N, C-alpha and C. Protein backbone atom coordinates (compact mmCIF):
# COMPACT_ATOMS: atom_id res chain seq x y z
N UNK A 1 85.57 203.52 -12.84
CA UNK A 1 84.19 203.52 -13.26
C UNK A 1 83.44 204.78 -12.81
N UNK A 2 83.84 205.29 -11.64
CA UNK A 2 83.11 206.46 -11.10
C UNK A 2 83.32 207.68 -11.92
N UNK A 3 84.40 207.76 -12.73
CA UNK A 3 84.68 208.94 -13.55
C UNK A 3 84.82 208.57 -15.02
N UNK A 4 84.26 207.45 -15.43
CA UNK A 4 84.45 206.97 -16.82
C UNK A 4 83.57 207.69 -17.82
N UNK A 5 82.55 208.41 -17.38
CA UNK A 5 81.60 209.03 -18.31
C UNK A 5 81.99 210.49 -18.55
N UNK A 6 81.17 211.16 -19.37
CA UNK A 6 81.29 212.61 -19.56
C UNK A 6 80.20 213.31 -18.78
N UNK A 7 80.42 214.56 -18.47
CA UNK A 7 79.38 215.38 -17.86
C UNK A 7 78.29 215.63 -18.89
N UNK A 8 77.05 215.75 -18.41
CA UNK A 8 75.94 216.10 -19.31
C UNK A 8 76.01 217.59 -19.67
N UNK A 9 76.20 218.42 -18.68
CA UNK A 9 76.43 219.84 -18.92
C UNK A 9 77.91 220.03 -19.30
N UNK A 10 78.25 221.22 -19.74
CA UNK A 10 79.65 221.50 -20.11
C UNK A 10 80.53 221.42 -18.87
N UNK A 11 81.77 221.06 -19.10
CA UNK A 11 82.70 220.97 -17.94
C UNK A 11 82.85 222.31 -17.22
N UNK A 12 82.77 223.38 -17.98
CA UNK A 12 82.91 224.70 -17.36
C UNK A 12 81.70 224.99 -16.44
N UNK A 13 80.52 224.62 -16.89
CA UNK A 13 79.32 224.80 -16.07
C UNK A 13 79.38 223.93 -14.82
N UNK A 14 79.88 222.72 -14.97
CA UNK A 14 79.97 221.81 -13.82
C UNK A 14 80.96 222.32 -12.77
N UNK A 15 82.00 222.98 -13.23
CA UNK A 15 82.95 223.53 -12.27
C UNK A 15 82.33 224.66 -11.46
N UNK A 16 81.39 225.38 -12.03
CA UNK A 16 80.73 226.47 -11.31
C UNK A 16 79.68 225.86 -10.36
N UNK A 17 78.93 224.88 -10.85
CA UNK A 17 77.89 224.29 -10.03
C UNK A 17 78.43 223.44 -8.90
N UNK A 18 79.57 222.80 -9.17
CA UNK A 18 80.14 221.86 -8.20
C UNK A 18 81.63 222.18 -7.97
N UNK A 19 81.90 223.24 -7.19
CA UNK A 19 83.29 223.62 -6.93
C UNK A 19 84.07 222.51 -6.27
N UNK A 20 85.31 222.28 -6.73
CA UNK A 20 86.10 221.17 -6.18
C UNK A 20 86.63 221.52 -4.80
N UNK A 21 87.08 220.49 -4.14
CA UNK A 21 87.69 220.64 -2.80
C UNK A 21 89.14 220.20 -2.89
N UNK A 22 89.91 220.93 -3.70
CA UNK A 22 91.29 220.58 -3.90
C UNK A 22 91.55 219.69 -5.07
N UNK A 23 90.52 219.43 -5.82
CA UNK A 23 90.61 218.56 -7.00
C UNK A 23 89.35 217.72 -7.13
N UNK A 24 89.07 217.33 -8.35
CA UNK A 24 87.89 216.49 -8.58
C UNK A 24 88.26 215.03 -8.52
N UNK A 25 87.28 214.16 -8.21
CA UNK A 25 87.58 212.71 -8.21
C UNK A 25 88.12 212.25 -9.57
N UNK A 26 89.09 211.41 -9.55
CA UNK A 26 89.59 210.80 -10.79
C UNK A 26 90.08 209.39 -10.47
N UNK A 27 90.46 208.67 -11.50
CA UNK A 27 90.80 207.29 -11.35
C UNK A 27 92.05 207.06 -10.49
N UNK A 28 92.91 208.09 -10.38
CA UNK A 28 94.18 207.91 -9.69
C UNK A 28 94.31 208.72 -8.40
N UNK A 29 93.28 209.42 -7.96
CA UNK A 29 93.42 210.26 -6.81
C UNK A 29 92.36 209.94 -5.76
N UNK A 30 92.53 210.57 -4.61
CA UNK A 30 91.57 210.34 -3.52
C UNK A 30 90.80 211.62 -3.22
N UNK A 31 90.68 212.51 -4.20
CA UNK A 31 89.97 213.76 -4.00
C UNK A 31 88.51 213.48 -3.63
N UNK A 32 87.99 214.22 -2.67
CA UNK A 32 86.63 214.07 -2.25
C UNK A 32 85.66 214.70 -3.28
N UNK A 33 84.45 214.18 -3.32
CA UNK A 33 83.45 214.77 -4.17
C UNK A 33 83.09 216.17 -3.64
N UNK A 34 82.75 217.09 -4.53
CA UNK A 34 82.22 218.36 -4.08
C UNK A 34 80.97 218.12 -3.18
N UNK A 35 80.81 218.89 -2.16
CA UNK A 35 79.69 218.65 -1.24
C UNK A 35 78.38 218.77 -1.95
N UNK A 36 78.29 219.70 -2.90
CA UNK A 36 76.99 219.93 -3.58
C UNK A 36 76.55 218.70 -4.41
N UNK A 37 77.45 217.74 -4.60
CA UNK A 37 77.09 216.53 -5.35
C UNK A 37 76.15 215.63 -4.59
N UNK A 38 76.10 215.81 -3.28
CA UNK A 38 75.26 214.88 -2.50
C UNK A 38 74.61 215.46 -1.24
N UNK A 39 74.84 216.75 -0.95
CA UNK A 39 74.28 217.31 0.28
C UNK A 39 74.07 218.79 0.15
N UNK A 40 73.26 219.34 1.05
CA UNK A 40 73.08 220.80 1.14
C UNK A 40 73.95 221.37 2.23
N UNK A 41 74.66 220.51 2.95
CA UNK A 41 75.54 220.98 4.02
C UNK A 41 76.78 221.63 3.48
N UNK A 42 77.47 222.37 4.31
CA UNK A 42 78.70 223.03 3.89
C UNK A 42 79.95 222.45 4.52
N UNK A 43 79.78 221.52 5.44
CA UNK A 43 80.90 220.87 6.09
C UNK A 43 80.59 219.39 6.21
N UNK A 44 81.62 218.59 6.37
CA UNK A 44 81.45 217.15 6.59
C UNK A 44 81.73 216.85 8.06
N UNK A 45 81.20 215.74 8.59
CA UNK A 45 80.31 214.81 7.87
C UNK A 45 78.95 215.40 7.60
N UNK A 46 78.33 214.95 6.51
CA UNK A 46 77.04 215.52 6.07
C UNK A 46 76.12 214.40 5.62
N UNK A 47 74.86 214.60 5.90
CA UNK A 47 73.85 213.63 5.47
C UNK A 47 73.62 213.72 3.97
N UNK A 48 73.41 212.58 3.32
CA UNK A 48 73.14 212.58 1.88
C UNK A 48 71.70 213.07 1.62
N UNK A 49 71.59 213.99 0.70
CA UNK A 49 70.29 214.49 0.30
C UNK A 49 69.99 213.93 -1.10
N UNK A 50 69.00 213.08 -1.20
CA UNK A 50 68.73 212.36 -2.44
C UNK A 50 68.55 213.30 -3.63
N UNK A 51 67.83 214.37 -3.46
CA UNK A 51 67.60 215.30 -4.56
C UNK A 51 68.88 215.90 -5.08
N UNK A 52 69.80 216.23 -4.19
CA UNK A 52 71.09 216.80 -4.59
C UNK A 52 71.89 215.77 -5.39
N UNK A 53 71.86 214.53 -4.91
CA UNK A 53 72.61 213.46 -5.59
C UNK A 53 72.02 213.17 -6.96
N UNK A 54 70.69 213.13 -7.07
CA UNK A 54 70.04 212.89 -8.35
C UNK A 54 70.33 213.98 -9.32
N UNK A 55 70.37 215.22 -8.86
CA UNK A 55 70.68 216.34 -9.73
C UNK A 55 72.11 216.26 -10.25
N UNK A 56 73.02 215.83 -9.39
CA UNK A 56 74.41 215.69 -9.80
C UNK A 56 74.57 214.60 -10.84
N UNK A 57 73.90 213.49 -10.63
CA UNK A 57 73.99 212.37 -11.60
C UNK A 57 73.44 212.79 -12.96
N UNK A 58 72.40 213.59 -12.92
CA UNK A 58 71.75 214.01 -14.18
C UNK A 58 72.48 215.15 -14.89
N UNK A 59 73.40 215.81 -14.22
CA UNK A 59 74.05 216.98 -14.82
C UNK A 59 75.55 216.89 -14.92
N UNK A 60 76.21 216.51 -13.83
CA UNK A 60 77.68 216.51 -13.81
C UNK A 60 78.23 215.25 -13.15
N UNK A 61 77.88 214.08 -13.67
CA UNK A 61 78.29 212.83 -13.01
C UNK A 61 79.80 212.64 -12.93
N UNK A 62 80.53 213.12 -13.94
CA UNK A 62 81.99 212.90 -13.92
C UNK A 62 82.65 213.75 -12.83
N UNK A 63 82.34 215.04 -12.75
CA UNK A 63 82.93 215.87 -11.73
C UNK A 63 82.55 215.43 -10.34
N UNK A 64 81.43 214.77 -10.22
CA UNK A 64 80.97 214.31 -8.90
C UNK A 64 81.37 212.86 -8.64
N UNK A 65 82.05 212.21 -9.57
CA UNK A 65 82.48 210.84 -9.36
C UNK A 65 81.31 209.87 -9.20
N UNK A 66 80.23 210.11 -10.00
CA UNK A 66 79.05 209.29 -9.88
C UNK A 66 78.63 208.61 -11.19
N UNK A 67 79.58 208.45 -12.08
CA UNK A 67 79.28 207.83 -13.38
C UNK A 67 78.66 206.44 -13.22
N UNK A 68 79.14 205.69 -12.24
CA UNK A 68 78.67 204.32 -12.08
C UNK A 68 77.23 204.24 -11.67
N UNK A 69 76.64 205.37 -11.27
CA UNK A 69 75.24 205.38 -10.90
C UNK A 69 74.32 205.98 -11.96
N UNK A 70 74.90 206.36 -13.10
CA UNK A 70 74.07 206.82 -14.21
C UNK A 70 73.43 205.62 -14.90
N UNK A 71 72.31 205.81 -15.58
CA UNK A 71 71.67 204.68 -16.28
C UNK A 71 72.56 203.96 -17.25
N UNK A 72 73.48 204.66 -17.89
CA UNK A 72 74.35 204.03 -18.89
C UNK A 72 75.32 203.04 -18.29
N UNK A 73 75.66 203.23 -17.01
CA UNK A 73 76.63 202.34 -16.36
C UNK A 73 76.04 201.47 -15.27
N UNK A 74 74.79 201.70 -14.93
CA UNK A 74 74.21 201.02 -13.75
C UNK A 74 73.45 199.76 -14.18
N UNK A 75 74.20 198.75 -14.59
CA UNK A 75 73.58 197.47 -14.94
C UNK A 75 74.61 196.37 -14.64
N UNK A 76 74.21 195.15 -14.80
CA UNK A 76 75.12 194.02 -14.55
C UNK A 76 75.74 193.52 -15.85
N UNK A 77 77.00 193.16 -15.78
CA UNK A 77 77.63 192.50 -16.87
C UNK A 77 77.19 191.02 -16.86
N UNK A 78 77.38 190.30 -17.97
CA UNK A 78 76.94 188.93 -18.01
C UNK A 78 77.78 188.09 -17.06
N UNK A 79 77.25 186.97 -16.62
CA UNK A 79 77.92 186.16 -15.61
C UNK A 79 79.20 185.50 -16.15
N UNK A 80 79.21 185.16 -17.43
CA UNK A 80 80.37 184.50 -18.01
C UNK A 80 80.85 185.22 -19.25
N UNK A 81 81.45 186.39 -19.08
CA UNK A 81 81.90 187.19 -20.24
C UNK A 81 83.09 186.55 -20.93
N UNK A 82 83.25 186.93 -22.20
CA UNK A 82 84.37 186.40 -22.98
C UNK A 82 85.70 187.14 -22.68
N UNK A 83 85.61 188.23 -21.93
CA UNK A 83 86.78 188.98 -21.54
C UNK A 83 86.60 189.44 -20.11
N UNK A 84 87.69 189.92 -19.52
CA UNK A 84 87.62 190.36 -18.12
C UNK A 84 87.05 191.79 -18.07
N UNK A 85 85.81 191.90 -17.63
CA UNK A 85 85.14 193.22 -17.64
C UNK A 85 85.87 194.22 -16.76
N UNK A 86 86.54 193.74 -15.72
CA UNK A 86 87.20 194.65 -14.76
C UNK A 86 88.42 195.33 -15.30
N UNK A 87 88.98 194.81 -16.40
CA UNK A 87 90.23 195.39 -16.91
C UNK A 87 90.02 196.17 -18.20
N UNK A 88 88.79 196.37 -18.62
CA UNK A 88 88.52 197.07 -19.84
C UNK A 88 88.92 198.55 -19.74
N UNK A 89 89.60 199.04 -20.77
CA UNK A 89 90.07 200.42 -20.78
C UNK A 89 89.20 201.32 -21.64
N UNK A 90 89.38 202.64 -21.50
CA UNK A 90 88.64 203.58 -22.35
C UNK A 90 88.94 203.33 -23.81
N UNK A 91 90.21 202.99 -24.11
CA UNK A 91 90.58 202.74 -25.49
C UNK A 91 89.78 201.57 -26.08
N UNK A 92 89.56 200.54 -25.25
CA UNK A 92 88.77 199.41 -25.73
C UNK A 92 87.32 199.81 -25.96
N UNK A 93 86.80 200.65 -25.10
CA UNK A 93 85.41 201.11 -25.25
C UNK A 93 85.19 201.83 -26.59
N UNK A 94 86.23 202.44 -27.10
CA UNK A 94 86.16 203.19 -28.36
C UNK A 94 86.69 202.38 -29.54
N UNK A 95 87.16 201.18 -29.31
CA UNK A 95 87.82 200.40 -30.34
C UNK A 95 86.85 199.68 -31.24
N UNK A 96 87.08 199.74 -32.54
CA UNK A 96 86.26 199.01 -33.52
C UNK A 96 86.28 197.53 -33.21
N UNK A 97 87.43 197.02 -32.79
CA UNK A 97 87.58 195.60 -32.55
C UNK A 97 86.87 195.13 -31.29
N UNK A 98 86.69 196.02 -30.32
CA UNK A 98 86.15 195.59 -29.02
C UNK A 98 84.73 196.00 -28.71
N UNK A 99 84.27 197.10 -29.30
CA UNK A 99 82.99 197.71 -28.84
C UNK A 99 81.81 196.73 -28.88
N UNK A 100 81.65 196.00 -29.97
CA UNK A 100 80.46 195.15 -30.08
C UNK A 100 80.49 194.00 -29.06
N UNK A 101 81.69 193.45 -28.80
CA UNK A 101 81.80 192.38 -27.81
C UNK A 101 81.53 192.90 -26.40
N UNK A 102 82.07 194.09 -26.11
CA UNK A 102 81.86 194.70 -24.80
C UNK A 102 80.40 195.04 -24.58
N UNK A 103 79.73 195.51 -25.60
CA UNK A 103 78.31 195.86 -25.43
C UNK A 103 77.48 194.63 -25.08
N UNK A 104 77.87 193.46 -25.57
CA UNK A 104 77.14 192.24 -25.29
C UNK A 104 77.50 191.65 -23.92
N UNK A 105 78.78 191.67 -23.59
CA UNK A 105 79.24 190.95 -22.39
C UNK A 105 79.51 191.87 -21.18
N UNK A 106 79.98 193.08 -21.41
CA UNK A 106 80.40 193.97 -20.30
C UNK A 106 79.82 195.37 -20.46
N UNK A 107 78.52 195.49 -20.66
CA UNK A 107 77.94 196.84 -20.94
C UNK A 107 78.21 197.87 -19.86
N UNK A 108 78.28 197.45 -18.61
CA UNK A 108 78.49 198.41 -17.51
C UNK A 108 79.88 199.00 -17.51
N UNK A 109 80.81 198.34 -18.18
CA UNK A 109 82.20 198.80 -18.19
C UNK A 109 82.42 199.97 -19.11
N UNK A 110 81.54 200.15 -20.09
CA UNK A 110 81.72 201.23 -21.08
C UNK A 110 80.51 202.14 -21.19
N UNK A 111 79.55 201.99 -20.32
CA UNK A 111 78.34 202.82 -20.43
C UNK A 111 77.41 202.40 -21.54
N UNK A 112 77.35 201.10 -21.79
CA UNK A 112 76.50 200.59 -22.86
C UNK A 112 75.20 199.95 -22.32
N UNK A 113 74.84 200.25 -21.09
CA UNK A 113 73.69 199.59 -20.46
C UNK A 113 72.37 199.85 -21.19
N UNK A 114 72.25 200.98 -21.85
CA UNK A 114 70.98 201.33 -22.53
C UNK A 114 70.98 200.95 -24.01
N UNK A 115 72.00 200.22 -24.44
CA UNK A 115 72.13 199.93 -25.86
C UNK A 115 71.53 198.59 -26.30
N UNK A 116 71.03 197.82 -25.38
CA UNK A 116 70.42 196.56 -25.74
C UNK A 116 71.38 195.55 -26.32
N UNK A 117 72.67 195.64 -25.96
CA UNK A 117 73.66 194.71 -26.45
C UNK A 117 74.14 195.00 -27.86
N UNK A 118 73.77 196.15 -28.43
CA UNK A 118 74.15 196.46 -29.79
C UNK A 118 74.63 197.90 -29.88
N UNK A 119 75.83 198.09 -30.42
CA UNK A 119 76.41 199.43 -30.60
C UNK A 119 77.02 199.52 -31.97
N UNK A 120 77.24 200.75 -32.42
CA UNK A 120 78.04 200.93 -33.64
C UNK A 120 79.49 200.62 -33.32
N UNK A 121 80.17 199.93 -34.23
CA UNK A 121 81.57 199.60 -34.00
C UNK A 121 82.45 200.82 -34.14
N UNK A 122 82.03 201.78 -34.97
CA UNK A 122 82.76 203.03 -35.08
C UNK A 122 81.85 204.15 -34.58
N UNK A 123 82.44 205.28 -34.20
CA UNK A 123 81.72 206.29 -33.45
C UNK A 123 81.00 207.33 -34.30
N UNK A 124 81.25 207.37 -35.60
CA UNK A 124 80.73 208.49 -36.43
C UNK A 124 79.61 208.06 -37.38
N UNK A 125 79.01 206.92 -37.20
CA UNK A 125 77.98 206.46 -38.14
C UNK A 125 76.82 207.45 -38.25
N UNK A 126 76.43 208.05 -37.15
CA UNK A 126 75.26 208.94 -37.15
C UNK A 126 75.53 210.28 -37.85
N UNK A 127 76.78 210.57 -38.20
CA UNK A 127 77.08 211.80 -38.89
C UNK A 127 76.43 211.88 -40.26
N UNK A 128 76.18 210.71 -40.86
CA UNK A 128 75.57 210.70 -42.21
C UNK A 128 74.74 209.43 -42.32
N UNK A 129 73.50 209.50 -41.89
CA UNK A 129 72.68 208.28 -41.86
C UNK A 129 72.21 207.84 -43.24
N UNK A 130 72.52 208.64 -44.27
CA UNK A 130 72.17 208.23 -45.63
C UNK A 130 72.95 206.97 -46.05
N UNK A 131 74.07 206.74 -45.39
CA UNK A 131 74.84 205.55 -45.76
C UNK A 131 74.09 204.26 -45.45
N UNK A 132 73.10 204.37 -44.55
CA UNK A 132 72.31 203.17 -44.21
C UNK A 132 71.59 202.59 -45.42
N UNK A 133 71.29 203.45 -46.39
CA UNK A 133 70.53 203.00 -47.56
C UNK A 133 71.33 203.10 -48.87
N UNK A 134 72.60 203.43 -48.76
CA UNK A 134 73.42 203.53 -49.95
C UNK A 134 73.85 202.13 -50.38
N UNK A 135 73.60 201.81 -51.65
CA UNK A 135 73.82 200.46 -52.14
C UNK A 135 75.25 200.00 -51.90
N UNK A 136 76.21 200.83 -52.22
CA UNK A 136 77.60 200.42 -52.10
C UNK A 136 78.14 200.41 -50.67
N UNK A 137 77.30 200.75 -49.69
CA UNK A 137 77.76 200.81 -48.31
C UNK A 137 77.16 199.73 -47.41
N UNK A 138 76.40 198.82 -48.00
CA UNK A 138 75.66 197.85 -47.14
C UNK A 138 76.57 196.93 -46.34
N UNK A 139 77.62 196.39 -46.94
CA UNK A 139 78.51 195.56 -46.18
C UNK A 139 79.17 196.35 -45.04
N UNK A 140 79.49 197.61 -45.31
CA UNK A 140 80.11 198.46 -44.29
C UNK A 140 79.17 198.71 -43.14
N UNK A 141 77.94 199.14 -43.42
CA UNK A 141 77.04 199.48 -42.31
C UNK A 141 76.56 198.24 -41.57
N UNK A 142 76.47 197.12 -42.26
CA UNK A 142 76.07 195.90 -41.60
C UNK A 142 77.11 195.44 -40.54
N UNK A 143 78.36 195.83 -40.80
CA UNK A 143 79.43 195.47 -39.89
C UNK A 143 79.73 196.55 -38.85
N UNK A 144 79.72 197.80 -39.28
CA UNK A 144 80.22 198.87 -38.40
C UNK A 144 79.15 199.82 -37.84
N UNK A 145 77.95 199.84 -38.45
CA UNK A 145 76.95 200.81 -38.03
C UNK A 145 75.62 200.12 -37.71
N UNK A 146 75.68 199.02 -37.01
CA UNK A 146 74.47 198.25 -36.73
C UNK A 146 73.43 199.03 -35.94
N UNK A 147 73.85 199.79 -34.94
CA UNK A 147 72.92 200.52 -34.09
C UNK A 147 72.25 201.65 -34.88
N UNK A 148 73.04 202.48 -35.51
CA UNK A 148 72.49 203.62 -36.27
C UNK A 148 71.59 203.19 -37.38
N UNK A 149 71.98 202.13 -38.08
CA UNK A 149 71.26 201.67 -39.26
C UNK A 149 70.25 200.59 -38.98
N UNK A 150 70.01 200.33 -37.69
CA UNK A 150 69.02 199.34 -37.29
C UNK A 150 69.32 197.96 -37.88
N UNK A 151 70.57 197.58 -37.78
CA UNK A 151 71.00 196.26 -38.28
C UNK A 151 71.42 195.32 -37.16
N UNK A 152 70.95 195.58 -35.96
CA UNK A 152 71.32 194.74 -34.83
C UNK A 152 70.76 193.33 -35.04
N UNK A 153 71.53 192.30 -34.68
CA UNK A 153 71.06 190.93 -34.86
C UNK A 153 69.75 190.72 -34.09
N UNK A 154 68.83 190.03 -34.72
CA UNK A 154 67.54 189.75 -34.10
C UNK A 154 67.56 188.35 -33.48
N UNK A 155 67.26 188.30 -32.19
CA UNK A 155 67.21 186.97 -31.54
C UNK A 155 66.08 186.14 -32.09
N UNK A 156 65.02 186.80 -32.58
CA UNK A 156 63.92 186.07 -33.19
C UNK A 156 64.39 185.36 -34.47
N UNK A 157 65.16 186.09 -35.30
CA UNK A 157 65.71 185.53 -36.51
C UNK A 157 66.66 184.38 -36.21
N UNK A 158 67.48 184.59 -35.21
CA UNK A 158 68.47 183.54 -34.87
C UNK A 158 67.76 182.30 -34.39
N UNK A 159 66.73 182.49 -33.56
CA UNK A 159 66.03 181.31 -33.05
C UNK A 159 65.37 180.54 -34.17
N UNK A 160 64.87 181.26 -35.20
CA UNK A 160 64.27 180.53 -36.30
C UNK A 160 65.25 179.73 -37.10
N UNK A 161 66.51 180.19 -37.09
CA UNK A 161 67.57 179.46 -37.82
C UNK A 161 67.90 178.17 -37.07
N UNK A 162 67.97 178.23 -35.74
CA UNK A 162 68.38 177.05 -35.00
C UNK A 162 67.23 176.09 -34.68
N UNK A 163 66.01 176.57 -34.85
CA UNK A 163 64.87 175.70 -34.57
C UNK A 163 64.80 174.58 -35.59
N UNK A 164 64.35 173.42 -35.17
CA UNK A 164 64.30 172.30 -36.11
C UNK A 164 63.27 171.29 -35.59
N UNK A 165 63.07 170.28 -36.43
CA UNK A 165 62.10 169.23 -36.08
C UNK A 165 62.79 168.03 -35.50
N UNK A 166 64.02 168.17 -35.05
CA UNK A 166 64.80 167.04 -34.54
C UNK A 166 64.11 166.46 -33.31
N UNK A 167 64.28 165.19 -33.10
CA UNK A 167 63.81 164.54 -31.90
C UNK A 167 64.98 164.13 -31.00
N UNK A 168 66.19 164.20 -31.52
CA UNK A 168 67.38 163.88 -30.70
C UNK A 168 68.52 164.80 -31.15
N UNK A 169 69.45 165.04 -30.26
CA UNK A 169 70.54 165.97 -30.52
C UNK A 169 71.85 165.36 -30.07
N UNK A 170 72.96 165.85 -30.67
CA UNK A 170 74.25 165.43 -30.21
C UNK A 170 74.48 165.90 -28.77
N UNK A 171 75.28 165.17 -28.02
CA UNK A 171 75.57 165.57 -26.65
C UNK A 171 76.40 166.86 -26.65
N UNK A 172 76.17 167.67 -25.64
CA UNK A 172 76.99 168.88 -25.44
C UNK A 172 78.46 168.49 -25.21
N UNK A 173 79.36 169.21 -25.79
CA UNK A 173 80.78 168.93 -25.55
C UNK A 173 81.36 169.74 -24.39
N UNK A 174 80.57 170.72 -23.92
CA UNK A 174 81.01 171.55 -22.80
C UNK A 174 80.08 171.37 -21.59
N UNK A 175 80.64 171.41 -20.44
CA UNK A 175 79.85 171.29 -19.21
C UNK A 175 79.21 172.64 -18.80
N UNK A 176 79.57 173.69 -19.53
CA UNK A 176 79.12 175.03 -19.19
C UNK A 176 77.91 175.50 -20.00
N UNK A 177 77.35 174.62 -20.82
CA UNK A 177 76.28 175.03 -21.72
C UNK A 177 75.08 175.65 -21.03
N UNK A 178 74.68 175.08 -19.91
CA UNK A 178 73.50 175.61 -19.22
C UNK A 178 73.74 177.07 -18.84
N UNK A 179 74.92 177.34 -18.31
CA UNK A 179 75.23 178.72 -17.90
C UNK A 179 75.34 179.63 -19.13
N UNK A 180 75.99 179.13 -20.16
CA UNK A 180 76.12 179.92 -21.39
C UNK A 180 74.75 180.24 -21.99
N UNK A 181 73.87 179.28 -21.96
CA UNK A 181 72.55 179.49 -22.54
C UNK A 181 71.81 180.58 -21.82
N UNK A 182 71.96 180.68 -20.49
CA UNK A 182 71.33 181.72 -19.72
C UNK A 182 71.82 183.10 -20.13
N UNK A 183 73.05 183.14 -20.62
CA UNK A 183 73.66 184.41 -21.05
C UNK A 183 73.54 184.67 -22.53
N UNK A 184 72.72 183.86 -23.23
CA UNK A 184 72.43 184.15 -24.62
C UNK A 184 73.27 183.40 -25.65
N UNK A 185 74.09 182.44 -25.25
CA UNK A 185 74.96 181.74 -26.21
C UNK A 185 74.15 181.15 -27.35
N UNK A 186 73.02 180.57 -27.07
CA UNK A 186 72.27 179.86 -28.13
C UNK A 186 71.63 180.79 -29.16
N UNK A 187 71.52 182.07 -28.80
CA UNK A 187 70.84 183.03 -29.70
C UNK A 187 71.69 184.19 -30.09
N UNK A 188 72.93 184.22 -29.61
CA UNK A 188 73.81 185.36 -29.85
C UNK A 188 74.46 185.26 -31.25
N UNK A 189 74.24 186.26 -32.07
CA UNK A 189 74.76 186.23 -33.44
C UNK A 189 76.29 186.28 -33.50
N UNK A 190 76.91 186.64 -32.40
CA UNK A 190 78.38 186.66 -32.39
C UNK A 190 78.94 185.28 -32.67
N UNK A 191 78.25 184.25 -32.16
CA UNK A 191 78.67 182.87 -32.37
C UNK A 191 78.01 182.28 -33.60
N UNK A 192 78.77 181.56 -34.40
CA UNK A 192 78.21 180.95 -35.59
C UNK A 192 77.38 179.74 -35.19
N UNK A 193 76.53 179.29 -36.10
CA UNK A 193 75.71 178.13 -35.84
C UNK A 193 76.62 176.90 -35.63
N UNK A 194 77.70 176.87 -36.37
CA UNK A 194 78.64 175.74 -36.23
C UNK A 194 79.27 175.73 -34.83
N UNK A 195 79.61 176.87 -34.30
CA UNK A 195 80.18 176.95 -32.95
C UNK A 195 79.17 176.51 -31.91
N UNK A 196 77.94 176.99 -32.02
CA UNK A 196 76.91 176.62 -31.05
C UNK A 196 76.66 175.09 -31.09
N UNK A 197 76.66 174.57 -32.30
CA UNK A 197 76.42 173.14 -32.45
C UNK A 197 77.56 172.31 -31.87
N UNK A 198 78.81 172.79 -32.11
CA UNK A 198 79.99 172.06 -31.66
C UNK A 198 80.06 171.95 -30.16
N UNK A 199 79.62 173.02 -29.46
CA UNK A 199 79.77 173.03 -28.01
C UNK A 199 78.47 172.65 -27.26
N UNK A 200 77.35 173.10 -27.78
CA UNK A 200 76.10 172.94 -26.97
C UNK A 200 74.92 172.52 -27.84
N UNK A 201 75.12 171.51 -28.67
CA UNK A 201 74.03 171.09 -29.58
C UNK A 201 72.75 170.71 -28.83
N UNK A 202 72.88 169.97 -27.73
CA UNK A 202 71.69 169.52 -27.02
C UNK A 202 71.01 170.69 -26.30
N UNK A 203 71.79 171.48 -25.58
CA UNK A 203 71.23 172.60 -24.85
C UNK A 203 70.55 173.61 -25.76
N UNK A 204 71.20 173.88 -26.92
CA UNK A 204 70.65 174.84 -27.87
C UNK A 204 69.68 174.20 -28.85
N UNK A 205 69.54 172.88 -28.75
CA UNK A 205 68.57 172.15 -29.60
C UNK A 205 68.85 172.36 -31.09
N UNK A 206 70.11 172.06 -31.46
CA UNK A 206 70.55 172.17 -32.85
C UNK A 206 70.85 170.78 -33.39
N UNK A 207 70.27 170.46 -34.54
CA UNK A 207 70.50 169.13 -35.14
C UNK A 207 71.94 169.00 -35.60
């Protein structure tokens, strides 16, 4: 996680600004962070200087091994994710099949903390935003370019679908409904109305 992001500045500039000490931090090594990433001192042990650390996070977080403290990665994953957030790989973060689920359940694992639970399933949607309004592309953009084309599911719309005038509801079939509801199960468009009703009709107040 500490080196999962990209540098904001070019890698070449970061190497000049933050000279390595025998190698840069990476997922498989124990290389120390460059001193300039967190202090004005020239030897260790050294006191952390907040301004130096903030500058490193804002410019060269990967070379400094500080990705996990950038806004994109510094958030909490949901309490009951549908997959193991700790084992997510870079390939999954870029995968059409995984990206939307990860953005909802494990945003901190892929740097999706600022995306509001909605990302494009493919990475190149913004290359040609005219597709958002092209008649023959609507099914495509609704599925793969939700963020770029502003097609993210609306919790307001979903709530209006499940709202009803019922006075009684079927019993929940799962004992986890209360926890799921706190994490958005009742309003998450990933789950169909039939699924929400089958598991948590009473908690989600679905007739």
